[in-house]
Every structure is written in structure tokens, then in C-alpha cells.
Amino acid sequence: MSRVPADLRYTDDHEWIRTEPDGSLTVGITDHAQHTLGDIVFFELPKVGTKVEAGRPVGTVESVKAASELYTPVTGEIVEINADVSDEPEAVNSDPYDTWLFRIKPKNGSSSNGLLDAKAYQKLIEE
């Protein structure tokens, strides 16, 4: 069974989102996603400064099984990427909730309120 921390928000596309004290959002892929993908071998992450639109692809995750797109949960701007995952993509398989991918500064009026809470995400992955 996949871990689903209660303090995070989730997307239907299996990304987790954590709101930081400065209002930015940290994004990674869920335990369920890394289990489904298998051994992760590569991430293509967005560039800092990129303007992004909610629900649109912003990067790619590749595993030995498949490649999947990464989506942004909110409209805003990429303010930071985790360069360590480029060197060690397999870290996501070890601890997907400690290995974040990128941070977004939401555009005014854009929020994570429409995202799934842990209970709703758990129900989604059990279907």
C-alpha cells in the first residue's frame, strides 16, 4: 500500500504539493507514482523563471518501464528546481516525499485549494 502523508495535497496526475512558509509550493511525485513507474532513471525539469499554467506539462520522468509527463498543479512561475534529482533520480524511489522536484510561486489568485487532500487521493489510488 502506498504512503499518503496527511499534510500534503495531491493531483490526479500523482504529484504531491507542500505549501511552504513563503507561500511557494514544493512539488514531487507520490509514492504510488514511483511504485507504478518502477526504477526511475531520468528527470527533465522545468527551468527557473518559466511561467507555467495549471494542469500543463512542465517536465518528464523516465523509468526503466515508461516515460510520463510532470504537470504543474497551479498557475505561476518556477522559482527553484532540485538539481540533485538530475544526478540521482533514483532517490525518488527511496523516499518520494523527501525528494522534491521543483517549486512554484503561484500567480495571484491561483491556489492549491482545488487539489486533493490525503483522504481523497487515497480513494483515487484504491480505485
N, C-alpha and C. Protein backbone atom coordinates (compact mmCIF):
# COMPACT_ATOMS: atom_id res chain seq x y z
N MET A 1 0.84 -1.19 0.00
CA MET A 1 0.00 0.00 0.00
C MET A 1 0.88 1.25 0.00
N SER A 2 0.55 2.21 -0.80
CA SER A 2 1.32 3.44 -0.92
C SER A 2 1.11 4.35 0.27
N ARG A 3 2.18 5.03 0.65
CA ARG A 3 2.08 6.03 1.72
C ARG A 3 1.46 7.30 1.15
N VAL A 4 0.57 7.92 1.95
CA VAL A 4 -0.08 9.16 1.56
C VAL A 4 -0.07 10.09 2.78
N PRO A 5 1.00 10.89 2.95
CA PRO A 5 1.06 11.79 4.11
C PRO A 5 -0.13 12.76 4.16
N ALA A 6 -0.68 12.91 5.36
CA ALA A 6 -1.89 13.72 5.54
C ALA A 6 -1.64 15.22 5.39
N ASP A 7 -0.38 15.66 5.53
CA ASP A 7 -0.11 17.10 5.50
C ASP A 7 0.12 17.65 4.09
N LEU A 8 0.01 16.82 3.07
CA LEU A 8 0.25 17.26 1.70
C LEU A 8 -1.06 17.32 0.92
N ARG A 9 -1.02 17.98 -0.24
CA ARG A 9 -2.12 17.97 -1.21
C ARG A 9 -1.64 17.15 -2.39
N TYR A 10 -2.59 16.72 -3.24
CA TYR A 10 -2.26 15.81 -4.34
C TYR A 10 -3.02 16.18 -5.61
N THR A 11 -2.49 15.73 -6.74
CA THR A 11 -3.19 15.90 -8.02
C THR A 11 -3.64 14.54 -8.53
N ASP A 12 -4.56 14.57 -9.48
CA ASP A 12 -5.00 13.33 -10.15
C ASP A 12 -3.85 12.70 -10.93
N ASP A 13 -2.81 13.50 -11.23
CA ASP A 13 -1.66 13.03 -12.00
C ASP A 13 -0.54 12.49 -11.11
N HIS A 14 -0.82 12.33 -9.81
CA HIS A 14 0.09 11.70 -8.86
C HIS A 14 1.30 12.55 -8.49
N GLU A 15 1.08 13.86 -8.40
CA GLU A 15 2.09 14.74 -7.82
C GLU A 15 1.62 15.12 -6.41
N TRP A 16 2.59 15.34 -5.52
CA TRP A 16 2.28 15.86 -4.19
C TRP A 16 2.71 17.32 -4.14
N ILE A 17 2.03 18.08 -3.28
CA ILE A 17 2.29 19.51 -3.16
C ILE A 17 2.35 19.88 -1.69
N ARG A 18 3.39 20.60 -1.32
CA ARG A 18 3.53 21.11 0.05
C ARG A 18 3.62 22.63 -0.02
N THR A 19 2.81 23.32 0.78
CA THR A 19 2.86 24.77 0.84
C THR A 19 3.96 25.19 1.81
N GLU A 20 4.86 26.03 1.33
CA GLU A 20 5.99 26.49 2.14
C GLU A 20 5.61 27.77 2.89
N PRO A 21 6.37 28.12 3.95
CA PRO A 21 6.05 29.33 4.71
C PRO A 21 6.01 30.62 3.87
N ASP A 22 6.79 30.66 2.78
CA ASP A 22 6.80 31.87 1.94
C ASP A 22 5.67 31.88 0.90
N GLY A 23 4.80 30.85 0.94
CA GLY A 23 3.69 30.79 0.00
C GLY A 23 3.99 30.02 -1.28
N SER A 24 5.26 29.67 -1.49
CA SER A 24 5.59 28.86 -2.67
C SER A 24 5.11 27.43 -2.45
N LEU A 25 5.02 26.68 -3.53
CA LEU A 25 4.58 25.30 -3.46
C LEU A 25 5.69 24.38 -3.93
N THR A 26 6.01 23.39 -3.13
CA THR A 26 7.01 22.39 -3.48
C THR A 26 6.26 21.21 -4.08
N VAL A 27 6.78 20.68 -5.20
CA VAL A 27 6.10 19.62 -5.95
C VAL A 27 7.03 18.42 -6.11
N GLY A 28 6.47 17.22 -5.95
CA GLY A 28 7.20 15.99 -6.20
C GLY A 28 6.21 14.95 -6.72
N ILE A 29 6.69 13.72 -6.93
CA ILE A 29 5.78 12.65 -7.35
C ILE A 29 5.50 11.76 -6.15
N THR A 30 4.32 11.16 -6.14
CA THR A 30 3.87 10.38 -4.99
C THR A 30 4.51 9.00 -4.93
N ASP A 31 4.35 8.40 -3.77
CA ASP A 31 4.81 7.02 -3.56
C ASP A 31 4.12 6.10 -4.57
N HIS A 32 2.84 6.30 -4.77
CA HIS A 32 2.08 5.49 -5.74
C HIS A 32 2.71 5.63 -7.14
N ALA A 33 3.04 6.86 -7.53
CA ALA A 33 3.63 7.09 -8.86
C ALA A 33 4.97 6.38 -9.02
N GLN A 34 5.82 6.50 -8.01
CA GLN A 34 7.15 5.86 -8.14
C GLN A 34 7.03 4.34 -8.14
N HIS A 35 6.05 3.78 -7.40
CA HIS A 35 5.83 2.33 -7.44
C HIS A 35 5.37 1.90 -8.83
N THR A 36 4.46 2.67 -9.41
CA THR A 36 3.91 2.35 -10.73
C THR A 36 4.98 2.44 -11.81
N LEU A 37 5.81 3.48 -11.73
CA LEU A 37 6.85 3.69 -12.74
C LEU A 37 7.99 2.67 -12.63
N GLY A 38 8.30 2.26 -11.43
CA GLY A 38 9.46 1.38 -11.23
C GLY A 38 10.73 2.19 -11.07
N ASP A 39 11.87 1.63 -11.42
CA ASP A 39 13.16 2.29 -11.21
C ASP A 39 13.27 3.55 -12.08
N ILE A 40 13.33 4.70 -11.42
CA ILE A 40 13.41 5.98 -12.13
C ILE A 40 14.86 6.24 -12.53
N VAL A 41 15.05 6.64 -13.80
CA VAL A 41 16.40 6.83 -14.33
C VAL A 41 16.68 8.24 -14.81
N PHE A 42 15.63 9.09 -14.97
CA PHE A 42 15.87 10.42 -15.54
C PHE A 42 14.70 11.35 -15.24
N PHE A 43 15.03 12.62 -14.96
CA PHE A 43 14.03 13.68 -14.85
C PHE A 43 14.41 14.82 -15.79
N GLU A 44 13.45 15.32 -16.52
CA GLU A 44 13.61 16.58 -17.24
C GLU A 44 12.74 17.57 -16.48
N LEU A 45 13.39 18.57 -15.87
CA LEU A 45 12.67 19.53 -15.04
C LEU A 45 12.56 20.87 -15.75
N PRO A 46 11.56 21.68 -15.38
CA PRO A 46 11.42 23.00 -16.00
C PRO A 46 12.56 23.91 -15.57
N LYS A 47 12.78 24.97 -16.33
CA LYS A 47 13.83 25.94 -15.99
C LYS A 47 13.27 26.98 -15.03
N VAL A 48 14.12 27.43 -14.11
CA VAL A 48 13.75 28.50 -13.19
C VAL A 48 13.36 29.73 -14.01
N GLY A 49 12.27 30.36 -13.62
CA GLY A 49 11.77 31.53 -14.33
C GLY A 49 10.69 31.22 -15.34
N THR A 50 10.47 29.92 -15.62
CA THR A 50 9.44 29.52 -16.57
C THR A 50 8.06 29.83 -16.00
N LYS A 51 7.23 30.47 -16.80
CA LYS A 51 5.83 30.71 -16.42
C LYS A 51 5.06 29.45 -16.78
N VAL A 52 4.26 28.95 -15.84
CA VAL A 52 3.54 27.70 -16.04
C VAL A 52 2.05 27.89 -15.80
N GLU A 53 1.27 27.02 -16.43
CA GLU A 53 -0.17 27.07 -16.32
C GLU A 53 -0.68 25.78 -15.70
N ALA A 54 -1.59 25.89 -14.75
CA ALA A 54 -2.12 24.73 -14.03
C ALA A 54 -2.55 23.63 -14.99
N GLY A 55 -2.14 22.39 -14.67
CA GLY A 55 -2.54 21.23 -15.44
C GLY A 55 -1.76 20.99 -16.72
N ARG A 56 -0.78 21.83 -17.00
CA ARG A 56 0.02 21.69 -18.22
C ARG A 56 1.32 20.95 -17.93
N PRO A 57 1.84 20.21 -18.92
CA PRO A 57 3.12 19.51 -18.72
C PRO A 57 4.27 20.50 -18.53
N VAL A 58 5.15 20.19 -17.58
CA VAL A 58 6.32 21.04 -17.33
C VAL A 58 7.63 20.25 -17.34
N GLY A 59 7.54 18.96 -17.50
CA GLY A 59 8.75 18.14 -17.50
C GLY A 59 8.40 16.70 -17.73
N THR A 60 9.41 15.84 -17.54
CA THR A 60 9.26 14.41 -17.81
C THR A 60 9.97 13.60 -16.73
N VAL A 61 9.40 12.46 -16.41
CA VAL A 61 10.06 11.48 -15.57
C VAL A 61 10.15 10.20 -16.40
N GLU A 62 11.34 9.60 -16.42
CA GLU A 62 11.53 8.36 -17.16
C GLU A 62 11.99 7.26 -16.21
N SER A 63 11.42 6.09 -16.43
CA SER A 63 11.83 4.92 -15.66
C SER A 63 12.24 3.83 -16.64
N VAL A 64 12.64 2.70 -16.10
CA VAL A 64 13.00 1.59 -16.96
C VAL A 64 11.78 1.06 -17.69
N LYS A 65 10.56 1.35 -17.18
CA LYS A 65 9.32 0.88 -17.78
C LYS A 65 8.69 1.86 -18.77
N ALA A 66 8.74 3.17 -18.43
CA ALA A 66 7.95 4.13 -19.21
C ALA A 66 8.43 5.55 -18.97
N ALA A 67 7.91 6.46 -19.77
CA ALA A 67 8.13 7.89 -19.57
C ALA A 67 6.77 8.53 -19.31
N SER A 68 6.73 9.46 -18.37
CA SER A 68 5.49 10.15 -18.04
C SER A 68 5.77 11.64 -17.93
N GLU A 69 4.74 12.43 -18.22
CA GLU A 69 4.90 13.87 -18.09
C GLU A 69 4.67 14.29 -16.65
N LEU A 70 5.35 15.37 -16.27
CA LEU A 70 5.12 16.03 -14.99
C LEU A 70 4.23 17.23 -15.25
N TYR A 71 3.27 17.46 -14.39
CA TYR A 71 2.33 18.56 -14.57
C TYR A 71 2.45 19.54 -13.42
N THR A 72 2.10 20.79 -13.70
CA THR A 72 2.10 21.79 -12.65
C THR A 72 0.70 21.89 -12.03
N PRO A 73 0.63 21.91 -10.70
CA PRO A 73 -0.67 21.93 -10.04
C PRO A 73 -1.36 23.30 -10.03
N VAL A 74 -0.60 24.36 -10.21
CA VAL A 74 -1.15 25.72 -10.19
C VAL A 74 -0.48 26.57 -11.26
N THR A 75 -1.11 27.69 -11.58
CA THR A 75 -0.51 28.67 -12.48
C THR A 75 0.46 29.53 -11.69
N GLY A 76 1.62 29.79 -12.27
CA GLY A 76 2.61 30.60 -11.58
C GLY A 76 3.95 30.58 -12.28
N GLU A 77 5.02 30.67 -11.50
CA GLU A 77 6.38 30.71 -12.04
C GLU A 77 7.26 29.74 -11.27
N ILE A 78 8.09 29.00 -12.02
CA ILE A 78 9.06 28.10 -11.39
C ILE A 78 10.13 28.96 -10.72
N VAL A 79 10.31 28.78 -9.40
CA VAL A 79 11.28 29.59 -8.68
C VAL A 79 12.51 28.79 -8.23
N GLU A 80 12.43 27.47 -8.29
CA GLU A 80 13.57 26.64 -7.90
C GLU A 80 13.37 25.23 -8.43
N ILE A 81 14.48 24.58 -8.77
CA ILE A 81 14.43 23.16 -9.11
C ILE A 81 15.41 22.42 -8.20
N ASN A 82 15.16 21.15 -8.01
CA ASN A 82 16.06 20.32 -7.21
C ASN A 82 17.06 19.67 -8.17
N ALA A 83 18.21 20.31 -8.34
CA ALA A 83 19.22 19.82 -9.27
C ALA A 83 19.75 18.45 -8.87
N ASP A 84 19.64 18.09 -7.59
CA ASP A 84 20.13 16.79 -7.12
C ASP A 84 19.43 15.62 -7.80
N VAL A 85 18.15 15.80 -8.17
CA VAL A 85 17.45 14.68 -8.80
C VAL A 85 17.95 14.41 -10.21
N SER A 86 18.59 15.38 -10.83
CA SER A 86 19.20 15.12 -12.14
C SER A 86 20.37 14.16 -12.00
N ASP A 87 21.13 14.31 -10.89
CA ASP A 87 22.27 13.44 -10.64
C ASP A 87 21.87 12.11 -10.01
N GLU A 88 20.80 12.13 -9.21
CA GLU A 88 20.35 10.93 -8.51
C GLU A 88 18.84 10.75 -8.63
N PRO A 89 18.34 10.49 -9.84
CA PRO A 89 16.88 10.34 -10.00
C PRO A 89 16.31 9.19 -9.18
N GLU A 90 17.13 8.19 -8.90
CA GLU A 90 16.65 7.03 -8.15
C GLU A 90 16.31 7.38 -6.69
N ALA A 91 16.72 8.56 -6.22
CA ALA A 91 16.39 8.99 -4.86
C ALA A 91 14.87 9.05 -4.66
N VAL A 92 14.13 9.32 -5.72
CA VAL A 92 12.67 9.37 -5.63
C VAL A 92 12.11 7.99 -5.27
N ASN A 93 12.75 6.93 -5.75
CA ASN A 93 12.29 5.58 -5.40
C ASN A 93 12.52 5.29 -3.92
N SER A 94 13.59 5.85 -3.35
CA SER A 94 13.89 5.61 -1.93
C SER A 94 12.95 6.38 -1.01
N ASP A 95 12.72 7.67 -1.31
CA ASP A 95 11.85 8.49 -0.46
C ASP A 95 11.19 9.58 -1.30
N PRO A 96 10.05 9.27 -1.92
CA PRO A 96 9.40 10.23 -2.81
C PRO A 96 8.93 11.50 -2.12
N TYR A 97 8.69 11.46 -0.81
CA TYR A 97 8.19 12.65 -0.13
C TYR A 97 9.31 13.51 0.44
N ASP A 98 10.53 13.02 0.39
CA ASP A 98 11.68 13.81 0.81
C ASP A 98 12.42 14.35 -0.42
N THR A 99 12.14 13.79 -1.58
CA THR A 99 12.83 14.17 -2.82
C THR A 99 11.88 14.99 -3.68
N TRP A 100 11.95 16.31 -3.51
CA TRP A 100 11.10 17.21 -4.28
C TRP A 100 11.70 17.48 -5.64
N LEU A 101 10.89 17.98 -6.57
CA LEU A 101 11.34 18.22 -7.94
C LEU A 101 11.48 19.70 -8.27
N PHE A 102 10.44 20.49 -7.99
CA PHE A 102 10.50 21.92 -8.29
C PHE A 102 9.58 22.69 -7.36
N ARG A 103 9.82 24.01 -7.32
CA ARG A 103 8.98 24.91 -6.52
C ARG A 103 8.35 25.95 -7.43
N ILE A 104 7.10 26.27 -7.13
CA ILE A 104 6.33 27.24 -7.91
C ILE A 104 5.89 28.38 -7.00
N LYS A 105 6.00 29.61 -7.50
CA LYS A 105 5.37 30.74 -6.84
C LYS A 105 4.04 30.92 -7.55
N PRO A 106 2.92 30.64 -6.84
CA PRO A 106 1.62 30.75 -7.51
C PRO A 106 1.32 32.19 -7.93
N LYS A 107 0.68 32.31 -9.07
CA LYS A 107 0.22 33.61 -9.56
C LYS A 107 -0.88 34.08 -8.61
N ASN A 108 -1.00 35.39 -8.43
CA ASN A 108 -2.07 35.93 -7.58
C ASN A 108 -3.41 35.34 -8.00
N GLY A 109 -4.15 34.85 -7.02
CA GLY A 109 -5.46 34.26 -7.31
C GLY A 109 -5.40 32.76 -7.57
N SER A 110 -4.20 32.21 -7.78
CA SER A 110 -4.05 30.78 -8.02
C SER A 110 -3.68 30.13 -6.68
N SER A 111 -4.37 29.06 -6.33
CA SER A 111 -4.05 28.40 -5.06
C SER A 111 -4.15 26.89 -5.20
N SER A 112 -3.75 26.22 -4.14
CA SER A 112 -3.79 24.76 -4.13
C SER A 112 -5.10 24.25 -3.52
N ASN A 113 -6.07 25.12 -3.30
CA ASN A 113 -7.33 24.73 -2.66
C ASN A 113 -8.09 23.66 -3.44
N GLY A 114 -7.97 23.64 -4.76
CA GLY A 114 -8.70 22.67 -5.57
C GLY A 114 -8.04 21.30 -5.64
N LEU A 115 -6.91 21.15 -5.00
CA LEU A 115 -6.20 19.88 -5.04
C LEU A 115 -6.80 18.88 -4.05
N LEU A 116 -6.44 17.62 -4.23
CA LEU A 116 -6.97 16.56 -3.38
C LEU A 116 -6.29 16.56 -2.01
N ASP A 117 -7.06 16.30 -0.96
CA ASP A 117 -6.44 16.06 0.34
C ASP A 117 -6.03 14.58 0.38
N ALA A 118 -5.37 14.18 1.46
CA ALA A 118 -4.84 12.81 1.55
C ALA A 118 -5.95 11.76 1.43
N LYS A 119 -7.08 12.00 2.07
CA LYS A 119 -8.18 11.04 2.04
C LYS A 119 -8.71 10.85 0.62
N ALA A 120 -8.90 11.96 -0.09
CA ALA A 120 -9.41 11.87 -1.47
C ALA A 120 -8.38 11.21 -2.39
N TYR A 121 -7.09 11.50 -2.19
CA TYR A 121 -6.05 10.88 -3.02
C TYR A 121 -5.99 9.37 -2.74
N GLN A 122 -6.08 8.98 -1.49
CA GLN A 122 -6.05 7.57 -1.12
C GLN A 122 -7.21 6.83 -1.83
N LYS A 123 -8.37 7.45 -1.84
CA LYS A 123 -9.53 6.85 -2.50
C LYS A 123 -9.26 6.72 -4.01
N LEU A 124 -8.64 7.74 -4.61
CA LEU A 124 -8.32 7.72 -6.04
C LEU A 124 -7.41 6.53 -6.39
N ILE A 125 -6.36 6.33 -5.61
CA ILE A 125 -5.41 5.27 -5.96
C ILE A 125 -5.90 3.87 -5.59
N GLU A 126 -6.95 3.78 -4.78
CA GLU A 126 -7.52 2.47 -4.44
C GLU A 126 -8.51 1.99 -5.48
N GLU A 127 -8.97 2.89 -6.37
CA GLU A 127 -9.97 2.51 -7.38
C GLU A 127 -9.38 1.62 -8.44
